[in-house]
N, C-alpha and C. Protein backbone atom coordinates (compact mmCIF):
# COMPACT_ATOMS: atom_id res chain seq x y z
N MET A 1 -42.55 26.44 21.88
CA MET A 1 -42.71 26.90 20.73
C MET A 1 -40.82 26.07 20.32
N SER A 2 -40.69 25.52 19.20
CA SER A 2 -39.83 24.37 19.37
C SER A 2 -38.27 25.46 17.98
N PRO A 3 -37.27 25.49 18.64
CA PRO A 3 -36.43 26.60 17.23
C PRO A 3 -36.30 25.98 16.68
N ASP A 4 -36.17 24.73 16.33
CA ASP A 4 -35.07 23.56 15.22
C ASP A 4 -36.91 23.85 14.27
N LYS A 5 -37.76 24.30 14.46
CA LYS A 5 -39.11 24.83 13.41
C LYS A 5 -39.02 25.88 12.53
N TYR A 6 -38.27 26.60 13.11
CA TYR A 6 -37.88 28.38 12.82
C TYR A 6 -36.84 28.91 12.72
N ILE A 7 -36.70 29.40 10.87
CA ILE A 7 -35.84 30.35 10.66
C ILE A 7 -35.80 32.10 11.70
N VAL A 8 -35.09 32.60 11.69
CA VAL A 8 -35.09 33.54 12.20
C VAL A 8 -34.49 34.73 11.54
N GLU A 9 -35.54 35.28 11.34
CA GLU A 9 -34.48 36.67 9.73
C GLU A 9 -34.22 37.53 10.14
N GLN A 10 -33.54 38.66 10.14
CA GLN A 10 -33.45 40.14 10.26
C GLN A 10 -33.78 40.95 9.93
N SER A 11 -34.64 41.84 9.46
CA SER A 11 -35.00 42.81 8.91
C SER A 11 -33.65 43.60 9.01
N THR A 12 -33.49 44.45 7.49
CA THR A 12 -32.37 45.05 7.17
C THR A 12 -32.56 47.05 7.35
N GLY A 13 -34.46 46.51 7.97
CA GLY A 13 -35.07 47.77 8.16
C GLY A 13 -35.29 48.49 7.28
N LEU A 14 -35.31 48.55 6.05
CA LEU A 14 -35.43 49.32 4.17
C LEU A 14 -36.12 48.10 3.77
N LYS A 15 -37.52 49.01 3.51
CA LYS A 15 -38.24 48.43 2.26
C LYS A 15 -37.55 48.67 0.74
N ASP A 16 -38.81 47.36 -0.34
CA ASP A 16 -38.54 47.54 -1.73
C ASP A 16 -39.83 48.40 -1.90
N ALA A 17 -39.80 48.67 -3.00
CA ALA A 17 -39.99 49.42 -4.38
C ALA A 17 -41.50 49.43 -3.89
N ASN A 18 -42.28 48.22 -3.10
CA ASN A 18 -43.55 47.77 -3.27
C ASN A 18 -44.01 48.22 -1.37
N GLY A 19 -42.66 48.96 -0.78
CA GLY A 19 -43.25 49.32 0.42
C GLY A 19 -43.34 47.75 1.69
N ASN A 20 -42.56 46.73 0.92
CA ASN A 20 -42.31 45.55 1.69
C ASN A 20 -40.85 45.45 1.94
N MET A 21 -41.21 45.50 3.65
CA MET A 21 -39.95 45.24 4.94
C MET A 21 -39.07 44.33 4.05
N ILE A 22 -37.63 43.74 3.68
CA ILE A 22 -36.72 43.80 3.17
C ILE A 22 -36.33 42.84 4.65
N TYR A 23 -35.69 41.60 4.19
CA TYR A 23 -35.24 40.65 5.47
C TYR A 23 -33.64 40.24 4.97
N GLU A 24 -32.84 39.96 5.88
CA GLU A 24 -31.64 38.84 5.38
C GLU A 24 -32.38 37.49 4.62
N ASN A 25 -31.79 37.18 3.07
CA ASN A 25 -31.90 36.10 2.71
C ASN A 25 -33.07 35.81 2.07
N ASP A 26 -33.40 37.28 1.79
CA ASP A 26 -34.75 37.61 1.03
C ASP A 26 -34.18 37.52 -0.54
N ILE A 27 -34.61 37.30 -1.54
CA ILE A 27 -34.28 37.21 -3.29
C ILE A 27 -34.59 38.47 -3.52
N LEU A 28 -34.02 39.51 -4.36
CA LEU A 28 -34.62 40.55 -4.80
C LEU A 28 -33.78 40.23 -6.07
N CYS A 29 -34.97 41.51 -6.67
CA CYS A 29 -34.90 41.50 -8.38
C CYS A 29 -34.73 42.80 -8.69
N PHE A 30 -34.01 43.58 -8.96
CA PHE A 30 -34.19 44.54 -10.04
C PHE A 30 -33.18 45.15 -10.59
N GLY A 31 -33.65 45.90 -11.75
CA GLY A 31 -33.23 46.30 -13.09
C GLY A 31 -31.66 47.27 -12.61
N ARG A 32 -30.78 47.30 -14.00
CA ARG A 32 -29.74 48.08 -13.39
C ARG A 32 -30.19 49.80 -12.98
N MET A 33 -28.79 50.50 -13.20
CA MET A 33 -29.26 51.92 -12.15
C MET A 33 -29.24 52.61 -13.91
N TRP A 34 -30.53 53.48 -13.49
CA TRP A 34 -31.08 54.21 -14.60
C TRP A 34 -29.98 54.73 -15.18
N LEU A 35 -29.94 54.29 -16.81
CA LEU A 35 -28.95 55.06 -17.32
C LEU A 35 -29.71 56.55 -17.71
N GLU A 36 -30.70 56.52 -18.32
CA GLU A 36 -30.95 57.75 -18.32
C GLU A 36 -32.41 58.12 -18.09
N GLY A 37 -32.13 58.65 -16.87
CA GLY A 37 -33.97 59.20 -16.65
C GLY A 37 -34.30 58.34 -15.96
N ASP A 38 -35.72 58.12 -15.61
CA ASP A 38 -36.79 57.20 -14.84
C ASP A 38 -37.16 56.09 -15.51
N GLU A 39 -36.83 56.67 -16.34
CA GLU A 39 -37.53 55.90 -17.79
C GLU A 39 -37.41 54.29 -18.00
N TYR A 40 -38.26 53.17 -18.98
CA TYR A 40 -37.83 51.92 -19.46
C TYR A 40 -36.40 52.36 -20.25
N ASP A 41 -35.33 51.90 -20.49
CA ASP A 41 -34.60 51.95 -20.93
C ASP A 41 -34.48 50.77 -21.52
N PRO A 42 -34.28 50.37 -22.86
CA PRO A 42 -34.14 49.32 -23.94
C PRO A 42 -32.81 48.31 -23.22
N ARG A 43 -31.26 48.84 -22.39
CA ARG A 43 -30.59 48.73 -22.27
C ARG A 43 -30.12 48.02 -20.88
N GLU A 44 -31.20 48.40 -19.79
CA GLU A 44 -31.65 48.24 -18.64
C GLU A 44 -31.73 46.64 -18.60
N GLU A 45 -31.22 45.76 -17.85
CA GLU A 45 -31.62 44.04 -17.68
C GLU A 45 -32.02 43.81 -16.17
N ASP A 46 -32.71 42.50 -16.19
CA ASP A 46 -32.82 42.72 -14.61
C ASP A 46 -31.79 41.76 -14.53
N HIS A 47 -31.39 42.20 -12.28
CA HIS A 47 -31.12 41.12 -11.81
C HIS A 47 -31.39 40.36 -10.76
N ILE A 48 -30.96 39.23 -10.46
CA ILE A 48 -31.85 38.48 -8.91
C ILE A 48 -29.99 39.08 -8.07
N GLY A 49 -30.72 39.02 -7.04
CA GLY A 49 -29.75 38.58 -5.81
C GLY A 49 -30.35 38.33 -4.72
N LEU A 50 -29.48 38.28 -3.53
CA LEU A 50 -29.50 37.79 -2.56
C LEU A 50 -29.13 38.33 -1.54
N VAL A 51 -29.91 39.06 -0.50
CA VAL A 51 -29.52 39.56 0.31
C VAL A 51 -28.96 38.92 1.93
N LYS A 52 -27.36 39.98 1.98
CA LYS A 52 -26.29 38.82 2.98
C LYS A 52 -26.31 40.34 4.01
N TYR A 53 -25.66 39.52 4.58
CA TYR A 53 -25.24 40.68 6.23
C TYR A 53 -23.68 39.88 5.73
N CYS A 54 -22.73 41.73 5.83
CA CYS A 54 -21.08 42.03 4.97
C CYS A 54 -20.83 41.96 6.88
N SER A 55 -20.26 41.05 7.61
CA SER A 55 -19.33 41.84 8.78
C SER A 55 -18.34 42.53 8.37
N ASP A 56 -17.87 42.89 7.55
CA ASP A 56 -16.38 43.21 7.08
C ASP A 56 -16.64 44.86 6.97
N SER A 57 -18.28 45.36 6.06
CA SER A 57 -19.07 46.28 6.65
C SER A 57 -19.97 46.27 7.66
N ALA A 58 -19.96 45.91 8.10
CA ALA A 58 -21.46 45.85 8.93
C ALA A 58 -22.34 46.06 8.56
N SER A 59 -22.89 46.12 6.90
CA SER A 59 -23.83 46.01 6.48
C SER A 59 -24.47 45.24 5.23
N TYR A 60 -25.86 45.52 5.13
CA TYR A 60 -26.33 44.57 4.66
C TYR A 60 -25.56 44.54 2.63
N VAL A 61 -25.81 43.29 2.37
CA VAL A 61 -25.36 43.84 0.56
C VAL A 61 -26.20 42.59 -0.40
N VAL A 62 -26.09 42.80 -1.53
CA VAL A 62 -27.13 42.06 -2.35
C VAL A 62 -26.04 41.27 -2.68
N ASP A 63 -25.69 40.18 -3.54
CA ASP A 63 -24.77 39.17 -3.58
C ASP A 63 -25.64 39.07 -5.56
N CYS A 64 -25.37 39.38 -6.25
CA CYS A 64 -26.15 38.50 -7.21
C CYS A 64 -24.42 38.20 -8.65
N ASN A 65 -24.21 36.83 -8.38
CA ASN A 65 -23.70 36.47 -9.24
C ASN A 65 -22.23 37.03 -8.76
N LYS A 66 -21.72 36.82 -7.12
CA LYS A 66 -20.85 37.14 -6.64
C LYS A 66 -20.47 38.73 -7.02
N GLN A 67 -21.48 39.60 -8.12
CA GLN A 67 -21.60 41.02 -8.07
C GLN A 67 -21.92 41.59 -6.67
N ILE A 68 -21.53 41.89 -6.13
CA ILE A 68 -21.60 43.13 -4.78
C ILE A 68 -21.95 44.17 -4.71
N PHE A 69 -23.50 44.45 -4.18
CA PHE A 69 -24.31 45.97 -3.93
C PHE A 69 -24.57 45.96 -2.93
N PRO A 70 -23.98 46.97 -2.48
CA PRO A 70 -24.67 47.78 -1.28
C PRO A 70 -26.19 47.82 -1.11
N LEU A 71 -27.15 47.53 0.21
CA LEU A 71 -28.03 47.27 0.21
C LEU A 71 -29.14 48.82 -0.28
N GLU A 72 -28.20 50.05 1.06
CA GLU A 72 -28.90 51.22 0.25
C GLU A 72 -28.76 51.62 -0.95
N GLN A 73 -27.84 51.11 -2.40
CA GLN A 73 -28.29 51.35 -2.57
C GLN A 73 -29.36 50.90 -4.59
N MET A 74 -29.60 49.98 -3.49
CA MET A 74 -31.62 49.73 -4.45
C MET A 74 -31.91 51.14 -4.58
N CYS A 75 -32.00 51.62 -3.66
CA CYS A 75 -33.42 53.04 -3.81
C CYS A 75 -32.50 53.10 -5.87
N SER A 76 -31.95 52.94 -6.32
CA SER A 76 -31.71 53.76 -7.19
C SER A 76 -32.33 52.46 -8.74
N PHE A 77 -31.52 51.27 -7.64
CA PHE A 77 -32.67 51.12 -9.56
C PHE A 77 -33.84 51.14 -9.67
N ASP A 78 -33.87 50.12 -10.74
CA ASP A 78 -35.06 50.16 -11.19
C ASP A 78 -36.03 49.02 -10.72
N GLY A 79 -37.17 49.68 -9.84
CA GLY A 79 -38.39 48.59 -9.80
C GLY A 79 -37.44 47.69 -8.78
N TYR A 80 -36.65 47.93 -8.27
CA TYR A 80 -36.36 46.60 -7.33
C TYR A 80 -37.76 46.21 -6.20
N SER A 81 -37.61 44.84 -5.58
CA SER A 81 -38.90 43.94 -5.29
C SER A 81 -38.29 43.01 -4.69
N ALA A 82 -38.72 42.60 -3.10
CA ALA A 82 -38.32 41.73 -2.57
C ALA A 82 -39.54 40.80 -2.85
N GLN A 83 -38.97 39.24 -4.18
CA GLN A 83 -39.09 37.99 -4.51
C GLN A 83 -39.68 37.25 -4.23
N GLY A 84 -39.14 37.03 -2.65
CA GLY A 84 -39.68 35.48 -1.93
C GLY A 84 -38.07 36.01 -1.22
N ASN A 85 -37.50 34.40 -0.10
CA ASN A 85 -36.49 34.26 0.34
C ASN A 85 -36.09 33.02 -0.48
N VAL A 86 -34.75 32.34 0.49
CA VAL A 86 -33.75 31.90 -0.21
C VAL A 86 -34.02 29.90 0.26
N HIS A 87 -35.48 30.50 1.53
CA HIS A 87 -35.90 29.34 2.33
C HIS A 87 -36.93 28.22 2.08
N THR A 88 -37.81 29.70 1.05
CA THR A 88 -38.98 29.00 0.61
C THR A 88 -38.99 29.19 -1.17
N ASN A 89 -38.13 29.63 -1.89
CA ASN A 89 -38.52 30.04 -2.69
C ASN A 89 -36.86 30.18 -4.15
N PRO A 90 -36.01 28.89 -3.56
CA PRO A 90 -34.61 28.86 -3.91
C PRO A 90 -34.30 28.84 -5.52
N GLU A 91 -35.55 28.31 -6.29
CA GLU A 91 -36.05 27.90 -7.61
C GLU A 91 -35.63 29.29 -8.27
N LEU A 92 -35.72 31.04 -7.55
CA LEU A 92 -35.49 32.16 -8.16
C LEU A 92 -34.18 31.93 -8.65
N LEU A 93 -33.07 32.03 -7.04
CA LEU A 93 -31.95 32.85 -7.71
C LEU A 93 -31.30 31.14 -8.83
N GLU A 94 -31.43 30.37 -8.74
CA GLU A 94 -31.36 28.69 -10.17
C GLU A 94 -31.34 30.26 -12.09
N VAL A 95 -32.99 30.27 -11.60
CA VAL A 95 -32.86 31.35 -13.02
C VAL A 95 -31.89 32.22 -12.94
N GLN A 96 -31.30 32.73 -12.54
CA GLN A 96 -29.59 33.70 -12.34
C GLN A 96 -28.56 33.14 -13.39
N HIS A 97 -28.22 31.51 -13.56
CA HIS A 97 -27.31 30.60 -14.41
C HIS A 97 -27.89 30.23 -15.26
N ASP A 98 -29.12 29.96 -15.84
CA ASP A 98 -29.85 29.67 -16.43
C ASP A 98 -28.67 30.23 -18.40
């Protein structure tokens, strides 16, 4: 086994809305916190962020254009899901800057 060929991703221990395990460097797509109940609200918008480990708080966070969300709070966001990761889908992060 050649360690230079592989990038090891740490599991966060949490799953997205689809039941998929979330790993460090995954790219998450999520809506705004529900403003009124759990139904669609046109004031909600989609966000994309990168899962990172924050050593200051010893926890995982989602970096969304320098706005930091604790990963544990993702369960209160609308339809959060892992879309890919920074190594195989870096173009997903570029979408947020268009």
